[in-house]
């Protein structure tokens, strides 16, 4: 069972072929179960409120869900290195090795998603199959630590030449 409690990092290379949807968006990874807030998380992209393909992270707890959304758009039809870190109630979102600004839907912190028995999905959701990621993903990684900004940038720099020169 994947138990990410107090700190984690997700990262991936993504290539969006069709803009991310509105409403619930589209998922990069998910370990949530809608309708029963038993703990879990969703990380993905969404197009809404004047932003196209912006990242978001949702942590679900028995008290409800906390959502944090980036205030930066990503272009479709090119590779992007994306990451999210979480530690001490504060998520950080990164695009191409650089931290992007974001905002909570409400409140100013994110509760720990806790341990749950939900399945872990890459590129989709366990119930809502319409949330499939609209493109390609590579090197999806999960860490049980919150990587630093320098570590995120180092990971981007180590692989960016390959992806920025690779066309689909």
Protein backbone atom coordinates (compact mmCIF):
# COMPACT_ATOMS: atom_id res chain seq x y z
CA UNK A 1 0.00 0.00 0.00
CA UNK A 2 1.34 3.40 -0.98
CA UNK A 3 1.13 5.48 2.19
CA UNK A 4 2.19 9.08 1.70
CA UNK A 5 1.40 10.83 4.93
CA UNK A 6 3.49 13.84 5.85
CA UNK A 7 5.66 14.50 2.78
CA UNK A 8 5.78 13.47 -0.87
CA UNK A 9 6.88 14.46 -4.36
CA UNK A 10 5.31 13.43 -7.66
CA UNK A 11 7.06 14.21 -10.93
CA UNK A 12 6.55 13.33 -14.58
CA UNK A 13 7.24 14.35 -18.13
CA UNK A 14 3.94 15.14 -19.84
CA UNK A 15 2.95 15.89 -23.42
CA UNK A 16 -0.57 17.29 -23.67
CA UNK A 17 -2.11 16.49 -27.06
CA UNK A 18 -5.58 17.93 -26.38
CA UNK A 19 -6.11 20.65 -23.78
CA UNK A 20 -7.04 19.39 -20.33
CA UNK A 21 -10.74 19.43 -19.54
CA UNK A 22 -12.69 21.77 -17.32
CA UNK A 23 -14.70 20.66 -14.31
CA UNK A 24 -12.70 17.82 -12.76
CA UNK A 25 -9.76 18.13 -15.18
CA UNK A 26 -7.53 15.21 -16.12
CA UNK A 27 -5.24 13.16 -13.92
CA UNK A 28 -1.55 12.44 -13.86
CA UNK A 29 -1.81 10.30 -10.70
CA UNK A 30 -4.68 9.47 -8.35
CA UNK A 31 -5.21 7.60 -5.11
CA UNK A 32 -8.62 9.02 -4.26
CA UNK A 33 -12.15 7.71 -4.03
CA UNK A 34 -14.79 10.35 -4.72
CA UNK A 35 -17.88 10.34 -2.62
CA UNK A 36 -16.19 8.88 0.43
CA UNK A 37 -13.54 11.17 1.81
CA UNK A 38 -11.43 8.40 3.26
CA UNK A 39 -8.15 10.06 2.37
CA UNK A 40 -6.30 10.21 -0.88
CA UNK A 41 -5.05 12.61 -3.51
CA UNK A 42 -5.39 13.62 -7.16
CA UNK A 43 -2.74 15.43 -9.19
CA UNK A 44 -3.54 16.60 -12.68
CA UNK A 45 -4.24 19.43 -15.08
CA UNK A 46 -7.36 21.46 -15.76
CA UNK A 47 -8.45 24.28 -18.07
CA UNK A 48 -10.59 26.88 -16.33
CA UNK A 49 -10.81 30.49 -15.16
CA UNK A 50 -8.71 31.82 -18.03
CA UNK A 51 -5.95 29.23 -17.61
CA UNK A 52 -5.20 26.45 -20.05
CA UNK A 53 -3.61 23.24 -18.80
CA UNK A 54 -2.85 24.42 -15.28
CA UNK A 55 -1.83 21.92 -12.61
CA UNK A 56 -3.75 21.15 -9.45
CA UNK A 57 -3.42 18.91 -6.40
CA UNK A 58 -6.31 17.73 -4.23
CA UNK A 59 -5.90 16.06 -0.85
CA UNK A 60 -8.97 14.34 0.56
CA UNK A 61 -9.58 13.76 4.25
CA UNK A 62 -12.53 12.77 6.40
CA UNK A 63 -13.02 16.54 6.92
CA UNK A 64 -13.37 17.21 3.16
CA UNK A 65 -10.96 18.11 0.41
CA UNK A 66 -8.32 20.79 -0.03
CA UNK A 67 -7.45 21.99 -3.55
CA UNK A 68 -4.42 23.98 -4.67
CA UNK A 69 -4.20 25.22 -8.29
CA UNK A 70 -1.32 26.77 -10.20
CA UNK A 71 -1.76 30.21 -11.70
CA UNK A 72 0.33 29.30 -14.75
CA UNK A 73 -0.74 27.69 -18.01
CA UNK A 74 1.20 25.04 -19.95
CA UNK A 75 1.34 24.85 -23.72
CA UNK A 76 0.00 21.77 -25.46
CA UNK A 77 1.98 19.86 -28.10
CA UNK A 78 5.31 20.01 -26.27
CA UNK A 79 6.94 18.13 -23.42
CA UNK A 80 6.87 19.61 -19.91
CA UNK A 81 8.49 18.35 -16.74
CA UNK A 82 5.93 18.77 -13.96
CA UNK A 83 6.21 18.14 -10.24
CA UNK A 84 4.36 18.68 -7.00
CA UNK A 85 5.82 18.52 -3.50
CA UNK A 86 3.94 18.47 -0.22
CA UNK A 87 5.20 18.95 3.33
CA UNK A 88 3.82 20.72 6.37
CA UNK A 89 0.48 21.69 4.78
CA UNK A 90 2.04 23.56 1.84
CA UNK A 91 2.09 22.16 -1.70
CA UNK A 92 4.50 23.49 -4.32
CA UNK A 93 3.97 23.05 -8.05
CA UNK A 94 6.75 23.08 -10.65
CA UNK A 95 6.77 23.34 -14.46
CA UNK A 96 10.00 22.74 -16.35
CA UNK A 97 12.08 22.90 -13.17
CA UNK A 98 10.69 26.23 -11.93
CA UNK A 99 8.22 26.68 -9.08
CA UNK A 100 4.98 28.28 -10.28
CA UNK A 101 2.64 30.31 -8.13
CA UNK A 102 -0.64 28.88 -6.99
CA UNK A 103 -3.64 29.46 -4.77
CA UNK A 104 -5.97 27.47 -2.55
CA UNK A 105 -9.64 27.24 -3.51
CA UNK A 106 -10.36 28.18 0.10
CA UNK A 107 -8.27 28.43 3.21
CA UNK A 108 -4.52 28.67 3.33
CA UNK A 109 -3.26 25.16 3.97
CA UNK A 110 -3.66 21.56 2.89
CA UNK A 111 -4.40 18.74 5.30
CA UNK A 112 -2.45 15.49 5.15
CA UNK A 113 -4.25 13.00 2.87
CA UNK A 114 -3.59 10.17 5.30
CA UNK A 115 -3.28 6.45 4.73
CA UNK A 116 -6.01 4.66 2.79
CA UNK A 117 -6.61 1.45 0.87
CA UNK A 118 -7.48 3.16 -2.44
CA UNK A 119 -5.67 1.90 -5.51
CA UNK A 120 -2.94 4.07 -7.06
CA UNK A 121 -3.61 5.05 -10.68
CA UNK A 122 -1.33 6.65 -13.25
CA UNK A 123 -3.11 8.63 -15.95
CA UNK A 124 -6.66 8.01 -14.77
CA UNK A 125 -9.04 7.66 -11.81
CA UNK A 126 -10.40 4.48 -10.27
CA UNK A 127 -14.06 5.48 -10.74
CA UNK A 128 -14.29 8.41 -13.15
CA UNK A 129 -12.65 7.02 -16.28
CA UNK A 130 -13.42 10.28 -18.13
CA UNK A 131 -10.53 11.89 -16.24
CA UNK A 132 -7.83 10.16 -18.32
CA UNK A 133 -4.78 12.29 -19.04
CA UNK A 134 -5.08 13.84 -22.55
CA UNK A 135 -1.68 12.95 -23.94
CA UNK A 136 1.50 11.10 -23.12
CA UNK A 137 3.46 10.64 -19.90
CA UNK A 138 6.93 9.37 -19.20
CA UNK A 139 9.11 8.91 -16.13
CA UNK A 140 6.25 9.19 -13.61
CA UNK A 141 7.94 9.15 -10.21
CA UNK A 142 6.70 9.04 -6.62
CA UNK A 143 8.93 9.93 -3.66
CA UNK A 144 8.12 9.71 0.05
CA UNK A 145 9.97 13.00 0.67
CA UNK A 146 9.32 16.59 -0.38
CA UNK A 147 12.15 17.33 -2.80
CA UNK A 148 13.72 20.78 -2.67
CA UNK A 149 13.50 23.32 -5.48
CA UNK A 150 17.15 22.62 -6.30
CA UNK A 151 16.46 18.87 -6.56
CA UNK A 152 13.46 19.48 -8.86
CA UNK A 153 15.57 21.73 -11.10
CA UNK A 154 18.42 19.19 -11.10
CA UNK A 155 16.03 16.43 -12.24
CA UNK A 156 14.68 18.68 -15.00
CA UNK A 157 18.16 19.67 -16.20
CA UNK A 158 19.33 16.03 -16.23
CA UNK A 159 16.67 14.99 -18.77
CA UNK A 160 15.41 18.16 -20.49
CA UNK A 161 17.64 17.91 -23.56
CA UNK A 162 16.11 14.60 -24.54
CA UNK A 163 12.50 15.74 -24.17
CA UNK A 164 12.82 19.22 -25.63
CA UNK A 165 14.41 17.73 -28.75
CA UNK A 166 11.91 14.86 -29.09
CA UNK A 167 8.82 15.45 -31.21
CA UNK A 168 5.73 13.29 -31.29
